[in-house]
């Protein structure tokens, strides 16, 4: 039946509204695309405007399937959930139940909604509950105490209208997939989920037409399997939506890298597509095919989680993703097949820092390796590294800091904080001169006249020179010459920490670096998690000889690291 009805008439159609297991969880409260408002605020603004002007509000249609269990929500569960929360806040007295087919925790929250603490909990384990609370907080904030609740409730019940569409139960999942495939906000991952669950829930009459009924019919219990898979999918979704997971893998996708990586195991197309996924993995509409696909996704998901939970793997994977140009190919190589060994990952990690491509690394191209090693070594030897090849310095120093973290906790490793590499603002990366470049001078000839110039480029007069200055010519250790701009005098630092140093002497920098700041300055010197940087500032003395010695040791370690 299709008809335009009011919200009151909608609620009178059934006492229980069911969110089926193929539906995504409740997410209203997130910011809308290209809009500063979230969907809850947008709907409340529309309701309040119509209330003030005594006008009707027409919202999108609701597609349902009327069953003995209740009204099954095929399209419109987000809106229905919103109105359930709003009506409870407005003390709506008529019996009205919202039930999630497989989410017990969500049902428990909704059944005792009046007793719930709705304060924000960033560690809330369940997505639905997080956004239930957020919706109720937004409602509380937007609906001022002076609003006539009774009048507003009546307005919402009688002036909110929408098209009500009832379809047969057996067509529900197919219609869900078809309808949502045309919606901009519907994610490809959600369509894939719906199709997998549809196949997993096929009844015995489907089996009867298939030759493998005898082998697999017993194994598959339709309802239990569907619920188990749906719960498992939701756990993956929740994991990929953790901030720390998204940051490590550099993804904003709803399901992170899981589904698109799985698709690329048999499809070179880079863009995730429901149609292509179905064609490659679910073309044969057999439950056994859906089961196999789920098993494959499960193994891949475990690989991502294992990498995240092991600090050394976490660090190496995170570094490779950031320094290699063809990130997707690395992801496919490492997570799209049987797990690579630790030695294979380490081999890849070391060569990625040299600027080798994915293909060059996996092909074990020794000719290119030698070429890239020689090029980077030549860059690191250059005493004007800071100005000529800063990226080489950045890469080396990043690796040195990560490698120190990998040695922590008795060799079990410590997770490296990649924010220094990812952020482009004041919290991003910079190269710091251990001995200030403005305190290093050298002589050069200009128009036949000998002048003294500082490392920052400024010409300096004799009268301005004091004992804090050193000569560039003093940066010597045996046969190794260095300068203030060489690798021997550079460390990795956050930009805002670098700015705090200004042109301070080494002793002053050291004092600032290790000073214990009060709560007011707690954000200063995030760089103290950079262990290689710490070790350099921990030196008792830092002048020309120390710069040259550090350059010598760094270059020797670099050669040894690559077996040279």
Protein backbone atom coordinates (compact mmCIF):
# COMPACT_ATOMS: atom_id res chain seq x y z
CA UNK A 1 0.00 0.00 0.00
CA UNK A 2 1.26 3.47 -0.93
CA UNK A 3 -0.21 6.51 0.78
CA UNK A 4 0.71 9.88 2.25
CA UNK A 5 0.31 9.64 6.00
CA UNK A 6 1.13 11.61 9.15
CA UNK A 7 3.63 10.51 11.75
CA UNK A 8 0.72 9.73 14.09
CA UNK A 9 -0.86 7.44 11.48
CA UNK A 10 2.54 5.82 10.91
CA UNK A 11 2.89 4.98 14.59
CA UNK A 12 -0.61 3.55 14.73
CA UNK A 13 0.20 1.01 12.02
CA UNK A 14 2.28 -1.12 14.36
CA UNK A 15 3.51 -1.14 17.93
CA UNK A 16 6.92 -2.56 16.96
CA UNK A 17 9.23 -1.18 14.27
CA UNK A 18 12.06 -3.56 13.34
CA UNK A 19 15.48 -2.56 12.00
CA UNK A 20 16.55 -5.66 9.99
CA UNK A 21 20.04 -7.09 10.17
CA UNK A 22 21.06 -5.91 6.69
CA UNK A 23 20.66 -2.27 7.72
CA UNK A 24 23.61 -0.18 8.83
CA UNK A 25 23.49 1.18 12.38
CA UNK A 26 22.12 4.54 13.43
CA UNK A 27 24.49 7.35 12.35
CA UNK A 28 22.44 10.56 12.49
CA UNK A 29 24.52 13.11 14.32
CA UNK A 30 27.39 12.94 11.82
CA UNK A 31 28.00 16.07 9.74
CA UNK A 32 26.18 16.10 6.43
CA UNK A 33 28.24 16.37 3.23
CA UNK A 34 28.68 20.01 2.18
CA UNK A 35 26.71 21.21 5.23
CA UNK A 36 27.88 22.38 8.64
CA UNK A 37 24.80 20.84 10.22
CA UNK A 38 24.28 17.21 11.09
CA UNK A 39 21.06 15.42 10.07
CA UNK A 40 19.55 15.73 13.56
CA UNK A 41 20.05 19.51 13.64
CA UNK A 42 18.75 19.80 10.07
CA UNK A 43 15.55 17.90 10.92
CA UNK A 44 15.03 19.84 14.16
CA UNK A 45 15.43 23.16 12.31
CA UNK A 46 12.78 22.05 9.81
CA UNK A 47 10.41 20.97 12.58
CA UNK A 48 10.87 24.15 14.60
CA UNK A 49 10.39 26.34 11.53
CA UNK A 50 7.15 24.54 10.62
CA UNK A 51 5.99 24.74 14.26
CA UNK A 52 6.51 28.51 14.41
CA UNK A 53 4.75 29.00 11.07
CA UNK A 54 2.13 26.28 11.55
CA UNK A 55 3.04 24.57 8.27
CA UNK A 56 3.35 20.95 7.25
CA UNK A 57 6.69 19.19 6.92
CA UNK A 58 7.11 16.67 4.14
CA UNK A 59 10.03 14.27 4.62
CA UNK A 60 11.31 11.49 2.43
CA UNK A 61 9.15 8.43 2.02
CA UNK A 62 9.41 5.35 4.23
CA UNK A 63 9.51 1.87 2.68
CA UNK A 64 8.49 -1.00 4.95
CA UNK A 65 7.30 -4.57 4.98
CA UNK A 66 4.35 -5.28 7.27
CA UNK A 67 4.90 -8.65 8.96
CA UNK A 68 3.57 -10.54 11.96
CA UNK A 69 6.66 -9.45 13.95
CA UNK A 70 6.06 -5.77 13.23
CA UNK A 71 6.85 -3.08 10.69
CA UNK A 72 10.20 -3.99 9.08
CA UNK A 73 12.08 -0.84 8.06
CA UNK A 74 13.59 -1.25 4.59
CA UNK A 75 14.21 2.43 3.91
CA UNK A 76 13.70 5.11 6.56
CA UNK A 77 15.24 3.56 9.67
CA UNK A 78 17.40 6.63 10.37
CA UNK A 79 14.34 8.91 10.37
CA UNK A 80 12.25 6.45 12.36
CA UNK A 81 14.99 6.13 14.98
CA UNK A 82 15.26 9.91 15.20
CA UNK A 83 11.53 10.28 15.80
CA UNK A 84 11.60 7.47 18.36
CA UNK A 85 14.26 9.38 20.33
CA UNK A 86 12.52 12.74 19.89
CA UNK A 87 9.10 11.41 20.94
CA UNK A 88 10.57 9.83 24.04
CA UNK A 89 12.15 13.18 24.91
CA UNK A 90 8.72 14.82 24.39
CA UNK A 91 7.07 12.22 26.70
CA UNK A 92 4.95 10.55 24.04
CA UNK A 93 2.70 8.15 26.01
CA UNK A 94 1.43 5.71 23.39
CA UNK A 95 3.11 2.28 23.16
CA UNK A 96 5.84 2.41 20.52
CA UNK A 97 8.78 0.02 20.24
CA UNK A 98 11.89 0.24 18.10
CA UNK A 99 13.77 -3.04 17.87
CA UNK A 100 17.12 -3.88 16.24
CA UNK A 101 17.07 -7.44 14.86
CA UNK A 102 20.60 -8.32 15.96
CA UNK A 103 21.86 -5.53 18.20
CA UNK A 104 21.03 -6.52 21.78
CA UNK A 105 22.94 -3.62 23.33
CA UNK A 106 21.03 -1.11 21.19
CA UNK A 107 17.71 -2.69 22.21
CA UNK A 108 18.70 -2.62 25.88
CA UNK A 109 19.50 1.09 25.63
CA UNK A 110 16.22 1.95 23.88
CA UNK A 111 14.10 -0.12 26.26
CA UNK A 112 15.42 1.88 29.23
CA UNK A 113 15.91 5.17 27.45
CA UNK A 114 14.55 7.31 30.32
CA UNK A 115 17.21 5.91 32.66
CA UNK A 116 20.20 6.43 30.35
CA UNK A 117 23.12 8.78 30.89
CA UNK A 118 23.46 10.69 27.62
CA UNK A 119 26.77 12.44 28.32
CA UNK A 120 29.38 12.00 25.60
CA UNK A 121 31.61 8.96 25.93
CA UNK A 122 34.29 8.93 23.21
CA UNK A 123 35.14 5.36 24.18
CA UNK A 124 31.56 4.15 23.70
CA UNK A 125 31.87 0.64 22.29
CA UNK A 126 28.66 0.62 20.24
CA UNK A 127 28.08 2.96 17.29
CA UNK A 128 24.28 3.00 17.69
CA UNK A 129 24.45 3.99 21.33
CA UNK A 130 27.04 6.70 20.66
CA UNK A 131 24.70 8.37 18.16
CA UNK A 132 21.56 7.74 20.26
CA UNK A 133 23.20 9.78 23.00
CA UNK A 134 24.41 12.43 20.58
CA UNK A 135 20.92 12.83 19.12
CA UNK A 136 19.39 13.24 22.57
CA UNK A 137 22.04 15.82 23.51
CA UNK A 138 21.34 17.80 20.32
CA UNK A 139 17.57 17.62 20.98
CA UNK A 140 18.10 18.82 24.56
CA UNK A 141 20.28 21.71 23.39
CA UNK A 142 18.07 22.82 20.47
CA UNK A 143 14.66 22.54 22.10
CA UNK A 144 14.79 25.34 24.64
CA UNK A 145 13.11 25.00 28.07
CA UNK A 146 10.43 27.55 27.16
CA UNK A 147 9.08 25.49 24.24
CA UNK A 148 5.54 24.19 24.72
CA UNK A 149 6.33 20.48 24.69
CA UNK A 150 2.72 19.37 24.46
CA UNK A 151 1.97 21.68 21.53
CA UNK A 152 5.22 20.80 19.76
CA UNK A 153 4.51 17.07 20.22
CA UNK A 154 1.04 17.42 18.69
CA UNK A 155 2.52 19.42 15.79
CA UNK A 156 5.14 16.76 15.08
CA UNK A 157 2.57 13.95 15.19
CA UNK A 158 0.02 15.64 12.92
CA UNK A 159 2.02 17.94 10.62
CA UNK A 160 4.94 15.66 9.68
CA UNK A 161 3.91 13.79 6.53
CA UNK A 162 5.56 11.32 4.20
CA UNK A 163 4.83 8.66 1.61
CA UNK A 164 4.30 5.23 3.17
CA UNK A 165 5.27 2.29 0.91
CA UNK A 166 4.52 -1.30 1.92
CA UNK A 167 6.15 -4.16 -0.03
CA UNK A 168 6.08 -7.98 0.34
CA UNK A 169 8.52 -9.41 2.89
CA UNK A 170 10.24 -11.72 0.38
CA UNK A 171 11.31 -8.71 -1.73
CA UNK A 172 12.70 -6.69 1.18
CA UNK A 173 16.46 -7.21 0.78
CA UNK A 174 16.34 -6.94 -3.00
CA UNK A 175 14.38 -3.69 -2.81
CA UNK A 176 16.74 -2.39 -0.12
CA UNK A 177 19.73 -3.01 -2.40
CA UNK A 178 18.06 -1.49 -5.46
CA UNK A 179 16.76 1.58 -3.64
CA UNK A 180 19.89 2.43 -1.80
CA UNK A 181 22.11 1.89 -4.81
CA UNK A 182 20.81 5.19 -6.15
CA UNK A 183 21.36 7.18 -2.98
CA UNK A 184 24.42 9.37 -2.71
CA UNK A 185 24.74 8.74 1.00
CA UNK A 186 24.57 4.98 0.63
CA UNK A 187 28.03 3.49 0.69
CA UNK A 188 29.16 0.79 -1.72
CA UNK A 189 30.20 -1.24 1.31
CA UNK A 190 26.65 -1.23 2.63
CA UNK A 191 25.27 -2.54 -0.63
CA UNK A 192 27.85 -5.33 -0.58
CA UNK A 193 26.84 -6.17 2.98
CA UNK A 194 23.17 -6.32 2.03
CA UNK A 195 23.85 -8.66 -0.88
CA UNK A 196 26.03 -10.96 1.22
CA UNK A 197 23.37 -11.19 3.91
CA UNK A 198 20.70 -11.77 1.29
CA UNK A 199 22.60 -14.74 -0.09
CA UNK A 200 23.37 -16.06 3.37
CA UNK A 201 19.68 -16.07 4.27
CA UNK A 202 18.34 -17.96 1.23
CA UNK A 203 15.84 -20.65 2.30
CA UNK A 204 15.84 -24.37 1.66
CA UNK A 205 13.79 -24.08 -1.51
CA UNK A 206 16.84 -22.36 -3.01
CA UNK A 207 19.03 -25.23 -1.91
CA UNK A 208 16.68 -27.70 -3.44
CA UNK A 209 17.54 -26.44 -6.88
CA UNK A 210 21.27 -26.79 -6.28
CA UNK A 211 23.34 -29.92 -6.58
CA UNK A 212 25.37 -29.22 -3.44
CA UNK A 213 22.33 -29.24 -1.12
CA UNK A 214 23.32 -32.45 0.64
CA UNK A 215 26.84 -31.24 1.37
CA UNK A 216 26.05 -27.79 2.75
CA UNK A 217 22.38 -27.62 3.85
CA UNK A 218 23.09 -28.91 7.34
CA UNK A 219 25.99 -26.51 7.80
CA UNK A 220 23.92 -23.44 7.14
CA UNK A 221 21.34 -22.35 9.66
CA UNK A 222 19.84 -19.36 7.89
CA UNK A 223 18.95 -17.11 10.75
CA UNK A 224 21.92 -17.80 12.95
CA UNK A 225 24.35 -17.40 10.08
CA UNK A 226 22.80 -14.13 8.96
CA UNK A 227 22.94 -12.72 12.47
CA UNK A 228 26.50 -13.89 13.05
CA UNK A 229 27.73 -12.37 9.82
CA UNK A 230 25.90 -9.11 10.46
CA UNK A 231 27.39 -8.82 13.95
CA UNK A 232 30.84 -9.61 12.58
CA UNK A 233 30.47 -6.97 9.87
CA UNK A 234 29.44 -4.39 12.48
CA UNK A 235 32.55 -5.20 14.52
CA UNK A 236 34.72 -4.58 11.45
CA UNK A 237 32.88 -1.31 10.82
CA UNK A 238 33.37 -0.20 14.40
CA UNK A 239 37.08 -1.07 14.29
CA UNK A 240 37.71 0.84 11.06
CA UNK A 241 35.94 3.89 12.49
CA UNK A 242 38.40 4.20 15.38
CA UNK A 243 40.43 7.38 14.90
CA UNK A 244 43.74 5.67 15.56
CA UNK A 245 43.01 2.96 12.96
CA UNK A 246 41.98 5.48 10.30
CA UNK A 247 45.11 7.54 10.97
CA UNK A 248 47.50 4.62 10.73
CA UNK A 249 46.10 3.36 7.43
CA UNK A 250 45.36 6.89 6.11
CA UNK A 251 41.77 6.17 5.12
CA UNK A 252 38.40 7.86 5.53
CA UNK A 253 36.37 5.05 3.95
CA UNK A 254 33.47 3.65 5.96
CA UNK A 255 35.02 0.18 6.02
CA UNK A 256 38.56 1.42 5.81
CA UNK A 257 40.72 -0.54 3.38
CA UNK A 258 39.05 -3.92 3.86
CA UNK A 259 36.49 -4.19 1.07
CA UNK A 260 38.41 -2.32 -1.61
CA UNK A 261 41.56 -4.36 -0.91
CA UNK A 262 39.57 -7.59 -1.07
CA UNK A 263 38.05 -6.52 -4.39
CA UNK A 264 41.50 -5.84 -5.80
CA UNK A 265 42.63 -9.40 -5.08
CA UNK A 266 40.83 -10.37 -8.31
CA UNK A 267 40.07 -6.99 -9.88
CA UNK A 268 42.67 -4.40 -10.83
CA UNK A 269 40.03 -1.67 -10.80
CA UNK A 270 41.08 0.74 -8.04
CA UNK A 271 37.66 2.16 -7.24
CA UNK A 272 35.38 0.14 -4.99
CA UNK A 273 32.19 -0.80 -6.80
CA UNK A 274 29.20 -2.82 -5.64
CA UNK A 275 28.51 -3.95 -9.21
CA UNK A 276 32.09 -5.10 -9.79
CA UNK A 277 32.31 -6.75 -6.36
CA UNK A 278 29.12 -8.68 -7.02
CA UNK A 279 30.31 -9.71 -10.47
CA UNK A 280 33.66 -10.98 -9.14
CA UNK A 281 32.56 -12.64 -5.90
CA UNK A 282 28.77 -13.15 -5.85
CA UNK A 283 27.82 -13.72 -9.47
CA UNK A 284 26.84 -17.31 -8.66
CA UNK A 285 23.98 -16.82 -6.26
CA UNK A 286 24.95 -19.68 -3.98
CA UNK A 287 25.16 -19.48 -0.19
CA UNK A 288 28.46 -21.33 -0.30
CA UNK A 289 29.89 -18.54 -2.45
CA UNK A 290 28.77 -15.91 0.07
CA UNK A 291 30.27 -17.98 2.87
CA UNK A 292 33.59 -18.24 1.04
CA UNK A 293 33.63 -14.48 0.49
CA UNK A 294 32.93 -13.79 4.14
CA UNK A 295 35.71 -16.17 5.15
CA UNK A 296 38.09 -14.31 2.85
CA UNK A 297 37.06 -10.95 4.31
CA UNK A 298 37.45 -12.35 7.81
CA UNK A 299 41.03 -13.50 7.16
CA UNK A 300 41.94 -10.18 5.61
CA UNK A 301 40.38 -8.23 8.48
CA UNK A 302 42.40 -10.30 10.95
CA UNK A 303 45.54 -9.37 8.99
CA UNK A 304 44.77 -5.66 9.34
CA UNK A 305 44.03 -6.06 13.06
CA UNK A 306 47.18 -8.12 13.66
CA UNK A 307 49.28 -5.45 11.95
CA UNK A 308 47.67 -2.75 14.07
CA UNK A 309 48.13 -4.66 17.34
CA UNK A 310 51.82 -5.52 16.83
CA UNK A 311 53.89 -2.34 17.47
CA UNK A 312 56.78 -3.29 15.17
CA UNK A 313 54.47 -4.27 12.31
CA UNK A 314 52.37 -1.17 13.05
CA UNK A 315 55.46 1.00 12.64
CA UNK A 316 56.76 -0.62 9.48
CA UNK A 317 53.38 -0.71 7.73
CA UNK A 318 52.65 2.88 8.79
CA UNK A 319 56.03 4.06 7.49
CA UNK A 320 55.73 2.27 4.15
CA UNK A 321 52.25 3.73 3.56
CA UNK A 322 53.74 7.20 4.05
CA UNK A 323 56.96 7.00 2.06
CA UNK A 324 56.01 4.88 -0.95
CA UNK A 325 54.17 6.35 -3.93
CA UNK A 326 52.11 3.27 -4.83
CA UNK A 327 50.52 2.65 -1.41
CA UNK A 328 47.64 0.54 -2.77
CA UNK A 329 50.02 -1.94 -4.36
CA UNK A 330 51.83 -2.40 -1.05
CA UNK A 331 48.52 -2.88 0.78
CA UNK A 332 47.43 -5.45 -1.78
CA UNK A 333 50.79 -7.26 -1.54
CA UNK A 334 50.88 -7.39 2.23
CA UNK A 335 47.21 -7.85 3.16
CA UNK A 336 45.76 -9.34 -0.02
CA UNK A 337 47.55 -12.68 0.21
CA UNK A 338 48.79 -15.11 2.81
CA UNK A 339 50.66 -13.20 5.48
CA UNK A 340 54.13 -12.15 4.49
CA UNK A 341 56.88 -13.01 6.94
CA UNK A 342 58.49 -10.46 9.20
CA UNK A 343 61.66 -10.70 7.13
CA UNK A 344 59.75 -9.89 3.92
CA UNK A 345 58.14 -6.86 5.53
CA UNK A 346 61.49 -5.67 6.88
CA UNK A 347 63.06 -6.08 3.44
CA UNK A 348 60.28 -3.99 1.93
CA UNK A 349 60.47 -1.39 4.71
CA UNK A 350 64.22 -0.80 4.28
CA UNK A 351 64.04 -0.38 0.55
CA UNK A 352 60.96 1.81 0.60
CA UNK A 353 63.00 4.43 2.44
CA UNK A 354 65.41 4.53 -0.50
CA UNK A 355 62.60 5.61 -2.82
CA UNK A 356 62.24 2.29 -4.63
CA UNK A 357 58.85 1.53 -6.20
CA UNK A 358 56.66 -1.39 -5.19
CA UNK A 359 57.56 -3.34 -8.32
CA UNK A 360 61.28 -2.73 -7.87
CA UNK A 361 61.07 -4.00 -4.29
CA UNK A 362 59.00 -7.14 -4.85
CA UNK A 363 61.03 -8.02 -7.94
CA UNK A 364 64.16 -7.74 -5.78
CA UNK A 365 65.78 -5.57 -8.43
CA UNK A 366 69.35 -5.34 -7.13
CA UNK A 367 70.48 -3.05 -9.92
CA UNK A 368 67.89 -0.43 -8.97
CA UNK A 369 68.66 -0.99 -5.28
CA UNK A 370 72.33 -0.13 -5.80
CA UNK A 371 71.37 2.88 -7.90
CA UNK A 372 68.92 4.21 -5.27
CA UNK A 373 71.31 3.49 -2.40
CA UNK A 374 74.17 5.33 -4.12
CA UNK A 375 71.91 8.29 -4.90
CA UNK A 376 70.67 8.66 -1.34
CA UNK A 377 74.16 8.15 0.12
CA UNK A 378 75.48 10.88 -2.16
CA UNK A 379 72.71 13.19 -0.96
CA UNK A 380 73.46 12.45 2.69
CA UNK A 381 77.18 13.08 2.22
CA UNK A 382 76.48 16.57 0.82
CA UNK A 383 77.20 19.23 3.44
CA UNK A 384 74.39 21.39 2.11
CA UNK A 385 71.84 18.61 2.65
CA UNK A 386 69.42 20.91 4.50
CA UNK A 387 69.04 23.17 1.47
CA UNK A 388 69.68 20.77 -1.42
CA UNK A 389 67.94 17.53 -0.43
CA UNK A 390 65.80 18.01 2.70
CA UNK A 391 63.54 15.06 1.77
CA UNK A 392 66.50 12.67 2.03
CA UNK A 393 67.18 14.01 5.51
CA UNK A 394 63.51 13.69 6.47
CA UNK A 395 63.33 10.08 5.32
CA UNK A 396 66.50 9.01 7.08
CA UNK A 397 65.58 10.74 10.34
CA UNK A 398 62.06 9.33 10.25
CA UNK A 399 63.47 5.81 9.91
CA UNK A 400 66.04 6.36 12.65
CA UNK A 401 63.31 7.46 15.07
CA UNK A 402 61.02 4.57 14.12
CA UNK A 403 63.85 2.05 14.48
CA UNK A 404 64.50 3.32 18.01
CA UNK A 405 60.83 2.76 18.85
CA UNK A 406 61.07 -0.78 17.48
CA UNK A 407 63.76 -1.54 20.06
CA UNK A 408 61.63 -0.51 23.03
CA UNK A 409 59.80 -2.77 25.49
CA UNK A 410 62.53 -5.40 25.38
CA UNK A 411 62.33 -5.68 21.60
CA UNK A 412 58.52 -5.84 21.41
CA UNK A 413 58.42 -2.28 20.15
CA UNK A 414 56.51 0.92 20.84
CA UNK A 415 53.98 2.48 18.45
CA UNK A 416 55.41 5.45 16.61
CA UNK A 417 53.31 8.61 16.45
CA UNK A 418 52.98 9.38 12.73
CA UNK A 419 51.24 12.73 13.29
CA UNK A 420 54.59 14.47 12.76
CA UNK A 421 54.59 13.13 9.19
CA UNK A 422 50.88 13.43 8.41
CA UNK A 423 50.04 16.93 9.54
CA UNK A 424 50.84 19.93 7.36
CA UNK A 425 50.26 22.62 10.01
CA UNK A 426 52.43 23.67 12.95
CA UNK A 427 52.18 20.13 14.28
CA UNK A 428 53.91 18.77 11.21
CA UNK A 429 57.54 17.92 10.55
CA UNK A 430 60.60 20.11 10.34
CA UNK A 431 64.38 19.77 10.29
CA UNK A 432 66.10 21.28 13.29
CA UNK A 433 69.77 22.37 13.42
CA UNK A 434 71.17 21.02 16.68
CA UNK A 435 73.80 23.74 16.74
CA UNK A 436 71.99 26.87 15.52
CA UNK A 437 72.87 27.75 11.94
CA UNK A 438 72.90 31.42 12.87
CA UNK A 439 75.82 30.68 15.21
CA UNK A 440 78.04 29.08 12.54
CA UNK A 441 80.12 31.33 10.31
CA UNK A 442 82.44 31.01 7.37
CA UNK A 443 84.41 33.31 5.14
CA UNK A 444 83.71 33.95 1.46
CA UNK A 445 84.80 36.44 -1.15
CA UNK A 446 82.34 39.03 -2.49
CA UNK A 447 83.55 41.54 -5.12
CA UNK A 448 87.16 40.91 -4.13
CA UNK A 449 86.45 41.44 -0.45
CA UNK A 450 86.50 38.74 2.27
CA UNK A 451 83.35 38.75 4.38
CA UNK A 452 82.03 36.57 7.18
CA UNK A 453 78.63 34.95 6.63
CA UNK A 454 76.44 33.05 9.08
CA UNK A 455 74.82 29.72 8.32
CA UNK A 456 71.44 31.43 7.91
CA UNK A 457 72.89 33.54 5.07
CA UNK A 458 73.36 36.82 6.92
CA UNK A 459 76.69 38.71 6.73
CA UNK A 460 78.12 39.32 10.18
CA UNK A 461 80.46 42.07 11.39
CA UNK A 462 83.48 41.31 13.56
CA UNK A 463 82.02 43.32 16.42
CA UNK A 464 78.98 41.02 16.57
CA UNK A 465 80.99 37.83 16.90
CA UNK A 466 81.23 36.32 20.39
CA UNK A 467 82.28 33.00 21.88
CA UNK A 468 78.94 31.37 21.01
CA UNK A 469 79.98 31.33 17.35
CA UNK A 470 81.90 28.49 15.74
CA UNK A 471 83.67 28.30 12.39
CA UNK A 472 82.34 25.96 9.73
CA UNK A 473 85.96 24.86 9.29
CA UNK A 474 85.87 23.43 12.83
CA UNK A 475 83.32 20.80 11.77
CA UNK A 476 86.01 18.19 11.10
CA UNK A 477 86.69 14.70 12.44
CA UNK A 478 89.75 13.17 10.84
CA UNK A 479 89.02 12.89 7.13
CA UNK A 480 85.34 13.81 7.53
CA UNK A 481 84.28 17.39 6.84
CA UNK A 482 80.85 18.61 7.82
CA UNK A 483 78.81 21.78 8.13
CA UNK A 484 75.85 23.16 10.05
CA UNK A 485 73.60 22.00 7.17
CA UNK A 486 74.92 18.43 7.05
CA UNK A 487 73.19 15.31 8.34
CA UNK A 488 75.55 15.52 11.31
CA UNK A 489 73.70 18.59 12.66
CA UNK A 490 70.08 17.76 11.84
CA UNK A 491 67.28 16.12 13.80
CA UNK A 492 63.56 15.61 13.22
CA UNK A 493 61.29 17.97 15.17
CA UNK A 494 57.70 19.23 15.21
CA UNK A 495 57.41 22.67 13.60
CA UNK A 496 56.02 24.43 16.66
CA UNK A 497 58.77 22.97 18.83
CA UNK A 498 61.32 24.17 16.28
CA UNK A 499 59.84 27.68 16.47
CA UNK A 500 60.17 27.65 20.23
CA UNK A 501 63.94 27.18 19.92
CA UNK A 502 64.43 30.21 17.66
CA UNK A 503 68.20 30.82 17.52
CA UNK A 504 68.96 29.54 21.00
CA UNK A 505 72.34 28.02 21.78
CA UNK A 506 72.71 24.26 22.10
CA UNK A 507 72.72 24.51 25.90
CA UNK A 508 69.59 26.64 25.88
CA UNK A 509 67.87 24.32 23.41
CA UNK A 510 68.76 21.37 25.59
CA UNK A 511 67.32 23.09 28.64
CA UNK A 512 64.11 23.93 26.80
CA UNK A 513 63.82 20.45 25.29
CA UNK A 514 64.04 18.59 28.60
CA UNK A 515 62.22 21.12 30.77
CA UNK A 516 59.14 19.83 32.57
CA UNK A 517 56.28 22.05 31.51
CA UNK A 518 53.21 22.74 33.58
CA UNK A 519 49.66 22.00 32.42
CA UNK A 520 49.51 25.31 30.57
CA UNK A 521 52.37 24.20 28.29
CA UNK A 522 51.52 20.50 28.07
CA UNK A 523 51.32 20.62 24.29
CA UNK A 524 54.87 21.89 23.92
CA UNK A 525 57.59 19.54 22.87
CA UNK A 526 55.62 16.68 21.47
CA UNK A 527 59.04 15.99 19.94
CA UNK A 528 60.04 14.26 23.15
CA UNK A 529 58.55 11.03 21.80
CA UNK A 530 61.23 11.12 19.05
CA UNK A 531 63.92 8.93 20.61
CA UNK A 532 66.66 9.55 18.05
CA UNK A 533 66.16 13.29 18.53
CA UNK A 534 66.28 12.87 22.30
CA UNK A 535 69.58 11.00 22.14
CA UNK A 536 71.19 13.86 20.20
CA UNK A 537 70.02 16.54 22.62
CA UNK A 538 71.18 14.40 25.52
CA UNK A 539 74.82 15.00 24.54
CA UNK A 540 76.81 17.00 27.10
CA UNK A 541 78.46 19.08 24.38
CA UNK A 542 77.71 19.96 20.78
CA UNK A 543 80.15 21.91 18.59
CA UNK A 544 82.02 21.45 15.31
CA UNK A 545 83.75 18.17 16.20
CA UNK A 546 80.49 16.66 17.45
CA UNK A 547 78.76 17.60 14.19
CA UNK A 548 81.47 15.88 12.12
CA UNK A 549 81.55 12.81 14.36
CA UNK A 550 77.77 12.46 14.13
CA UNK A 551 77.94 12.77 10.35
CA UNK A 552 80.62 10.06 10.19
CA UNK A 553 78.65 7.71 12.46
CA UNK A 554 75.37 8.34 10.63
CA UNK A 555 76.90 7.54 7.24
CA UNK A 556 78.64 4.44 8.57
CA UNK A 557 75.36 3.21 10.12
CA UNK A 558 73.56 3.91 6.85
CA UNK A 559 76.00 1.76 4.88
CA UNK A 560 75.89 -1.01 7.47
CA UNK A 561 72.05 -0.92 7.51
CA UNK A 562 72.01 -1.78 3.82
CA UNK A 563 74.89 -4.22 3.95
CA UNK A 564 77.42 -1.90 2.34
